[in-house]
N, C-alpha and C. Protein backbone atom coordinates (compact mmCIF):
# COMPACT_ATOMS: atom_id res chain seq x y z
N MET A 1 -37.02 -23.36 71.51
CA MET A 1 -38.60 -23.87 72.02
C MET A 1 -39.67 -22.88 71.38
N GLU A 2 -39.22 -21.57 71.93
CA GLU A 2 -40.27 -20.50 71.58
C GLU A 2 -40.33 -20.37 70.24
N GLY A 3 -39.41 -20.47 69.49
CA GLY A 3 -39.37 -19.99 68.21
C GLY A 3 -40.26 -21.33 67.15
N VAL A 4 -40.35 -22.50 67.77
CA VAL A 4 -41.08 -23.25 67.07
C VAL A 4 -42.36 -23.02 67.57
N LYS A 5 -42.87 -22.62 68.74
CA LYS A 5 -44.06 -22.40 69.05
C LYS A 5 -44.58 -21.19 68.39
N VAL A 6 -43.71 -20.18 68.16
CA VAL A 6 -44.43 -18.99 67.48
C VAL A 6 -44.46 -19.34 65.68
N GLN A 7 -43.91 -20.48 65.40
CA GLN A 7 -43.76 -21.06 63.83
C GLN A 7 -45.47 -21.89 63.84
N LEU A 8 -45.41 -22.55 64.92
CA LEU A 8 -46.70 -23.17 64.86
C LEU A 8 -48.02 -22.28 65.31
N ASP A 9 -47.96 -21.54 65.90
CA ASP A 9 -49.03 -20.58 65.96
C ASP A 9 -49.44 -19.90 64.30
N ASN A 10 -48.19 -19.21 63.83
CA ASN A 10 -48.29 -18.83 62.46
C ASN A 10 -48.75 -19.91 61.31
N LEU A 11 -48.54 -21.17 61.44
CA LEU A 11 -48.87 -22.18 60.53
C LEU A 11 -50.45 -22.38 61.20
N TYR A 12 -50.99 -22.38 61.99
CA TYR A 12 -52.67 -22.47 62.43
C TYR A 12 -53.20 -21.42 62.01
N GLN A 13 -52.54 -20.13 61.85
CA GLN A 13 -53.06 -18.97 61.36
C GLN A 13 -53.35 -19.08 60.06
N GLN A 14 -52.59 -19.38 59.52
CA GLN A 14 -52.51 -19.94 58.16
C GLN A 14 -53.50 -20.83 57.48
N GLN A 15 -53.74 -21.66 58.43
CA GLN A 15 -54.34 -22.69 57.94
C GLN A 15 -56.17 -22.18 58.07
N ALA A 16 -56.38 -21.42 59.19
CA ALA A 16 -57.45 -20.85 59.30
C ALA A 16 -57.83 -19.98 58.05
N ALA A 17 -56.61 -19.02 57.97
CA ALA A 17 -57.34 -18.07 56.61
C ALA A 17 -57.47 -19.02 55.42
N ALA A 18 -56.83 -19.94 55.45
CA ALA A 18 -57.02 -21.20 54.25
C ALA A 18 -58.19 -21.40 54.06
N LYS A 19 -58.66 -22.01 55.00
CA LYS A 19 -60.13 -22.59 55.12
C LYS A 19 -61.13 -21.63 55.18
N GLU A 20 -60.84 -20.33 55.52
CA GLU A 20 -61.59 -19.21 55.02
C GLU A 20 -61.93 -18.90 53.75
N GLU A 21 -61.05 -19.15 52.76
CA GLU A 21 -60.48 -18.74 51.78
C GLU A 21 -61.41 -19.82 50.52
N VAL A 22 -61.41 -21.03 50.94
CA VAL A 22 -61.89 -22.04 50.71
C VAL A 22 -63.69 -22.12 50.55
N GLY A 23 -63.91 -21.32 51.58
CA GLY A 23 -65.57 -21.18 52.01
C GLY A 23 -65.91 -20.35 50.89
N LYS A 24 -65.37 -19.12 50.50
CA LYS A 24 -65.85 -18.24 49.77
C LYS A 24 -66.35 -18.88 48.18
N ALA A 25 -66.82 -18.07 47.60
CA ALA A 25 -67.28 -18.22 46.22
C ALA A 25 -66.35 -18.11 45.44
N PHE A 26 -66.33 -18.33 44.34
CA PHE A 26 -65.57 -17.86 42.95
C PHE A 26 -65.94 -16.81 42.39
N PRO A 27 -65.46 -15.74 42.24
CA PRO A 27 -66.04 -14.69 42.12
C PRO A 27 -66.12 -14.62 40.44
N TYR A 28 -65.45 -15.19 39.67
CA TYR A 28 -65.51 -15.43 38.31
C TYR A 28 -66.31 -16.49 37.83
N GLU A 29 -67.03 -17.30 38.59
CA GLU A 29 -67.94 -18.54 38.02
C GLU A 29 -68.59 -18.09 37.11
N GLU A 30 -69.53 -17.25 37.08
CA GLU A 30 -70.34 -17.15 35.90
C GLU A 30 -69.70 -16.75 34.72
N GLU A 31 -68.86 -15.71 34.86
CA GLU A 31 -68.13 -15.50 33.78
C GLU A 31 -67.21 -16.64 32.81
N LEU A 32 -66.75 -17.87 33.59
CA LEU A 32 -66.16 -18.80 33.72
C LEU A 32 -67.24 -20.02 32.85
N ARG A 33 -68.41 -20.04 33.59
CA ARG A 33 -69.57 -20.93 32.67
C ARG A 33 -69.92 -19.89 31.37
N VAL A 34 -69.92 -18.81 31.28
CA VAL A 34 -70.02 -18.01 30.08
C VAL A 34 -69.16 -18.08 29.03
N LYS A 35 -67.93 -18.42 29.21
CA LYS A 35 -66.81 -18.53 28.23
C LYS A 35 -66.81 -19.81 28.23
N ASN A 36 -66.70 -20.66 28.95
CA ASN A 36 -66.64 -22.15 28.44
C ASN A 36 -67.76 -22.55 27.48
N ALA A 37 -68.99 -22.23 27.83
CA ALA A 37 -70.21 -22.17 26.77
C ALA A 37 -69.45 -21.64 25.27
N ARG A 38 -69.25 -20.46 25.18
CA ARG A 38 -68.56 -19.86 24.31
C ARG A 38 -67.37 -20.62 23.03
N LEU A 39 -66.94 -21.44 24.49
CA LEU A 39 -65.70 -22.32 23.91
C LEU A 39 -66.11 -23.37 23.47
N VAL A 40 -67.20 -24.07 23.72
CA VAL A 40 -67.68 -25.22 23.05
C VAL A 40 -68.27 -24.89 22.07
N GLU A 41 -68.81 -23.74 21.87
CA GLU A 41 -69.59 -23.61 20.18
C GLU A 41 -68.52 -23.29 19.67
N LEU A 42 -67.52 -22.46 19.71
CA LEU A 42 -66.36 -22.45 18.60
C LEU A 42 -65.72 -23.92 18.42
N ASP A 43 -65.51 -24.34 19.15
CA ASP A 43 -65.17 -25.82 19.18
C ASP A 43 -65.83 -27.10 17.89
N MET A 44 -67.18 -26.67 18.39
CA MET A 44 -68.25 -27.33 17.41
C MET A 44 -67.83 -26.56 16.12
N GLU A 45 -67.66 -25.17 15.90
CA GLU A 45 -67.54 -24.94 14.48
C GLU A 45 -66.54 -25.14 13.81
N LEU A 46 -65.55 -25.22 14.81
CA LEU A 46 -64.19 -25.61 14.24
C LEU A 46 -63.92 -26.89 13.72
N ASN A 47 -64.42 -28.02 14.64
CA ASN A 47 -64.78 -29.14 14.04
C ASN A 47 -65.57 -29.95 13.17
N MET A 48 -66.15 -28.99 12.76
CA MET A 48 -66.83 -29.37 11.37
C MET A 48 -66.22 -30.18 10.37
N ASP A 49 -66.72 -31.60 10.17
CA ASP A 49 -66.21 -32.23 8.95
C ASP A 49 -66.59 -31.55 7.74
N SER A 50 -66.24 -32.40 6.53
CA SER A 50 -66.63 -31.86 5.10
C SER A 50 -67.63 -31.81 4.73
N LYS A 51 -68.45 -32.39 5.37
CA LYS A 51 -70.11 -32.44 5.08
C LYS A 51 -70.68 -31.22 5.93
N GLY A 52 -70.41 -30.64 6.81
CA GLY A 52 -70.94 -29.72 7.45
C GLY A 52 -71.58 -30.24 8.72
N GLN A 53 -71.06 -31.31 9.06
CA GLN A 53 -71.62 -31.66 10.14
C GLN A 53 -70.61 -31.64 11.54
N SER A 54 -71.16 -31.32 12.52
CA SER A 54 -70.26 -31.13 13.69
C SER A 54 -70.45 -32.36 14.55
N ARG A 55 -69.09 -32.61 15.03
CA ARG A 55 -69.18 -33.75 16.19
C ARG A 55 -69.70 -33.29 17.26
N PRO A 56 -70.74 -33.64 17.97
CA PRO A 56 -71.14 -32.92 19.28
C PRO A 56 -70.74 -33.89 20.43
N GLU A 57 -70.17 -35.24 20.22
CA GLU A 57 -69.70 -35.95 21.28
C GLU A 57 -68.60 -35.02 21.97
N ALA A 58 -67.94 -34.49 21.25
CA ALA A 58 -66.61 -33.43 21.95
C ALA A 58 -67.24 -32.19 22.83
N ALA A 59 -68.55 -31.74 22.20
CA ALA A 59 -68.93 -30.61 22.86
C ALA A 59 -69.67 -31.19 24.29
N ILE A 60 -70.07 -32.47 23.96
CA ILE A 60 -71.09 -32.92 25.25
C ILE A 60 -69.70 -33.29 26.59
N ALA A 61 -68.86 -33.77 26.19
CA ALA A 61 -67.71 -34.01 26.94
C ALA A 61 -67.21 -32.98 27.66
N LYS A 62 -67.31 -31.78 26.87
CA LYS A 62 -66.69 -30.56 27.66
C LYS A 62 -67.57 -30.12 28.51
N ARG A 63 -69.02 -30.34 28.05
CA ARG A 63 -70.06 -29.51 29.17
C ARG A 63 -70.31 -30.55 30.34
N ALA A 64 -69.34 -31.82 30.15
CA ALA A 64 -69.73 -32.57 31.32
C ALA A 64 -68.70 -32.46 32.17
N ARG A 65 -67.60 -31.76 31.72
CA ARG A 65 -66.56 -31.44 33.01
C ARG A 65 -67.31 -30.95 34.14
N SER A 66 -66.46 -31.28 35.24
CA SER A 66 -66.84 -30.83 36.68
C SER A 66 -66.62 -29.42 36.90
N SER A 67 -66.87 -28.39 37.54
CA SER A 67 -66.73 -27.17 38.18
C SER A 67 -64.90 -27.25 38.66
N VAL A 68 -64.46 -26.22 38.07
CA VAL A 68 -62.81 -25.82 38.80
C VAL A 68 -63.27 -26.07 40.16
N LEU A 69 -64.25 -25.40 40.70
CA LEU A 69 -64.51 -25.18 42.44
C LEU A 69 -64.07 -26.78 43.03
N GLU A 70 -65.07 -27.76 41.93
CA GLU A 70 -65.22 -29.15 42.63
C GLU A 70 -63.85 -29.72 42.71
N GLY A 71 -63.31 -29.68 41.65
CA GLY A 71 -61.71 -29.80 41.63
C GLY A 71 -60.90 -29.48 42.52
N LEU A 72 -61.18 -28.04 43.06
CA LEU A 72 -59.90 -27.88 44.24
C LEU A 72 -60.71 -27.97 45.69
N LYS A 73 -62.05 -28.66 45.64
CA LYS A 73 -62.60 -29.09 46.87
C LYS A 73 -62.50 -30.43 47.16
N ARG A 74 -61.66 -31.07 46.34
CA ARG A 74 -61.57 -32.42 46.83
C ARG A 74 -60.07 -32.72 47.31
N PRO A 75 -59.98 -33.75 48.44
CA PRO A 75 -58.88 -33.91 49.26
C PRO A 75 -57.63 -34.33 48.30
N LEU A 76 -56.54 -33.81 48.74
CA LEU A 76 -55.61 -34.45 48.11
C LEU A 76 -55.27 -35.69 48.91
N PRO A 77 -54.65 -36.72 47.63
CA PRO A 77 -54.10 -38.25 47.95
C PRO A 77 -52.78 -37.91 48.92
N PRO A 78 -52.94 -38.77 50.11
CA PRO A 78 -51.72 -38.61 50.89
C PRO A 78 -50.50 -38.89 49.94
N ARG A 79 -49.33 -38.22 50.45
CA ARG A 79 -48.11 -38.33 49.87
C ARG A 79 -47.07 -39.27 50.83
N SER A 80 -46.39 -40.13 49.98
CA SER A 80 -45.36 -40.49 50.77
C SER A 80 -44.30 -39.63 51.18
N MET A 81 -43.49 -40.09 52.39
CA MET A 81 -42.74 -39.47 52.73
C MET A 81 -41.25 -39.61 52.42
N GLU A 82 -41.40 -40.83 51.44
CA GLU A 82 -39.88 -41.38 51.17
C GLU A 82 -39.73 -40.29 49.94
N LYS A 83 -38.30 -40.21 49.93
CA LYS A 83 -37.82 -39.15 48.68
C LYS A 83 -36.88 -40.58 47.82
N LYS A 84 -36.97 -39.99 46.79
CA LYS A 84 -35.87 -40.85 45.77
C LYS A 84 -34.54 -40.31 45.86
N PRO A 85 -33.80 -41.08 45.75
CA PRO A 85 -32.38 -40.34 45.60
C PRO A 85 -32.24 -39.66 43.90
N LYS A 86 -31.52 -38.96 43.82
CA LYS A 86 -31.42 -38.02 42.57
C LYS A 86 -31.04 -38.99 41.44
N GLN A 87 -30.25 -40.01 41.52
CA GLN A 87 -30.04 -40.77 40.32
C GLN A 87 -31.16 -41.49 40.04
N GLN A 88 -31.77 -42.27 41.09
CA GLN A 88 -33.21 -43.17 40.71
C GLN A 88 -34.11 -41.78 39.73
N GLU A 89 -34.12 -40.89 40.26
CA GLU A 89 -35.35 -39.69 39.53
C GLU A 89 -35.08 -39.98 38.43
N GLN A 90 -33.70 -39.52 37.98
CA GLN A 90 -33.39 -39.29 36.49
C GLN A 90 -33.30 -40.24 35.89
N GLU A 91 -33.28 -41.70 36.03
CA GLU A 91 -33.18 -43.07 35.65
C GLU A 91 -34.71 -43.24 34.97
N ALA A 92 -35.47 -42.79 36.27
CA ALA A 92 -37.25 -42.89 35.91
C ALA A 92 -37.42 -42.44 34.99
N ARG A 93 -37.03 -41.05 34.40
CA ARG A 93 -37.26 -40.19 33.70
C ARG A 93 -37.09 -40.64 31.80
């Protein structure tokens, strides 16, 4: 019983540390934004058709992407506790 209590305390400490990390700003956010903008420019240059016209819809779609941080902040969907038997997993593939 004592071992389980120690393990539970450890999990609470890990949860508190994880919540603290989520609250921190991503240190490379600005660098990521600049490099994504450059990537969009390069993609536009590479995707030019034979008439010298670029396809801006691809660039607009990339600019409209949400931030990496926004994706990390979204809650995970609940997982089912059921596990498939190994044979059913292999058949499903």
